[in-house]
Amino acid sequence: MENPFELILEKLERIEIAIQKLNAPPQNDGEILLSRLETAKLLKINLTSLWKHTKSGKLKSYGIGNRVFYKKDEVLKSLTRIN
């Protein structure tokens, strides 16, 4: 029969590994959704400018319920190079 303390240690190690997997950042940056405020901060603009860019079609927004989100990779791709 195994030592009960060894069993507890094994289970704790498995729990620790599971928690680390849950806390790991997502591997696909394309699916990171940003809120309106996070998007405005990323672009260093105010919410009114963000709304104008969305309305003009420069940025594409996604909705879940009454909340608005932007895909991070699409926001970064929407930036145009000057010069």
Protein backbone atom coordinates (compact mmCIF):
# COMPACT_ATOMS: atom_id res chain seq x y z
CA MET A 1 0.00 0.00 0.00
CA GLU A 2 1.30 3.45 -0.93
CA ASN A 3 2.08 6.11 1.56
CA PRO A 4 -0.94 8.47 1.85
CA PHE A 5 1.37 11.48 1.86
CA GLU A 6 2.82 10.44 -1.49
CA LEU A 7 -0.70 10.16 -2.90
CA ILE A 8 -1.51 13.65 -1.65
CA LEU A 9 1.70 15.03 -3.17
CA GLU A 10 0.93 13.42 -6.53
CA LYS A 11 -2.57 14.88 -6.54
CA LEU A 12 -1.25 18.31 -5.59
CA GLU A 13 1.25 18.17 -8.45
CA ARG A 14 -1.53 17.30 -10.90
CA ILE A 15 -3.66 20.16 -9.56
CA GLU A 16 -0.72 22.55 -9.90
CA ILE A 17 -0.17 21.50 -13.53
CA ALA A 18 -3.88 21.96 -14.28
CA ILE A 19 -3.85 25.45 -12.75
CA GLN A 20 -0.76 26.40 -14.77
CA LYS A 21 -2.52 25.31 -17.97
CA LEU A 22 -5.55 27.42 -17.08
CA ASN A 23 -3.40 30.47 -16.36
CA ALA A 24 -1.34 30.12 -19.54
CA PRO A 25 -1.98 32.88 -22.11
CA PRO A 26 -3.98 31.85 -25.16
CA GLN A 27 -1.82 30.66 -28.02
CA ASN A 28 -3.90 32.29 -30.74
CA ASP A 29 -3.60 36.09 -30.54
CA GLY A 30 -6.16 36.45 -33.31
CA GLU A 31 -8.95 35.45 -31.02
CA ILE A 32 -8.17 37.91 -28.23
CA LEU A 33 -11.21 40.14 -27.83
CA LEU A 34 -10.74 43.68 -26.57
CA SER A 35 -13.44 45.82 -25.01
CA ARG A 36 -14.11 49.31 -26.36
CA LEU A 37 -12.01 50.85 -23.59
CA GLU A 38 -9.12 48.41 -24.10
CA THR A 39 -9.18 49.08 -27.84
CA ALA A 40 -9.20 52.85 -27.32
CA LYS A 41 -6.26 52.57 -24.92
CA LEU A 42 -4.34 50.35 -27.36
CA LEU A 43 -4.82 52.91 -30.15
CA LYS A 44 -4.36 55.88 -27.79
CA ILE A 45 -7.64 57.47 -28.87
CA ASN A 46 -10.84 58.35 -27.05
CA LEU A 47 -14.09 56.39 -27.26
CA THR A 48 -15.67 58.93 -29.63
CA SER A 49 -12.84 58.48 -32.14
CA LEU A 50 -13.14 54.71 -31.77
CA TRP A 51 -16.87 54.96 -32.54
CA LYS A 52 -16.14 57.12 -35.63
CA HIS A 53 -13.55 54.64 -36.94
CA THR A 54 -16.01 51.79 -36.39
CA LYS A 55 -18.86 53.65 -38.09
CA SER A 56 -16.67 54.53 -41.09
CA GLY A 57 -15.69 50.87 -41.50
CA LYS A 58 -12.02 51.29 -40.62
CA LEU A 59 -12.51 49.01 -37.62
CA LYS A 60 -14.80 46.00 -37.40
CA SER A 61 -16.63 45.41 -34.13
CA TYR A 62 -18.30 42.29 -32.78
CA GLY A 63 -21.16 42.12 -30.35
CA ILE A 64 -22.09 39.71 -27.61
CA GLY A 65 -25.39 40.73 -26.10
CA ASN A 66 -25.18 44.48 -25.67
CA ARG A 67 -21.37 44.50 -25.36
CA VAL A 68 -19.00 45.51 -28.15
CA PHE A 69 -15.63 43.87 -28.77
CA TYR A 70 -12.79 44.17 -31.27
CA LYS A 71 -10.39 41.42 -32.35
CA LYS A 72 -6.87 42.47 -31.39
CA ASP A 73 -5.22 41.23 -34.59
CA GLU A 74 -7.79 43.07 -36.74
CA VAL A 75 -7.22 46.28 -34.79
CA LEU A 76 -3.46 46.03 -35.28
CA LYS A 77 -3.85 45.20 -38.98
CA SER A 78 -6.09 48.24 -39.48
CA LEU A 79 -3.17 50.55 -38.71
CA THR A 80 -1.67 51.99 -41.87
CA ARG A 81 1.94 52.95 -42.38
CA ILE A 82 2.78 56.60 -42.97
CA ASN A 83 5.52 57.33 -45.59
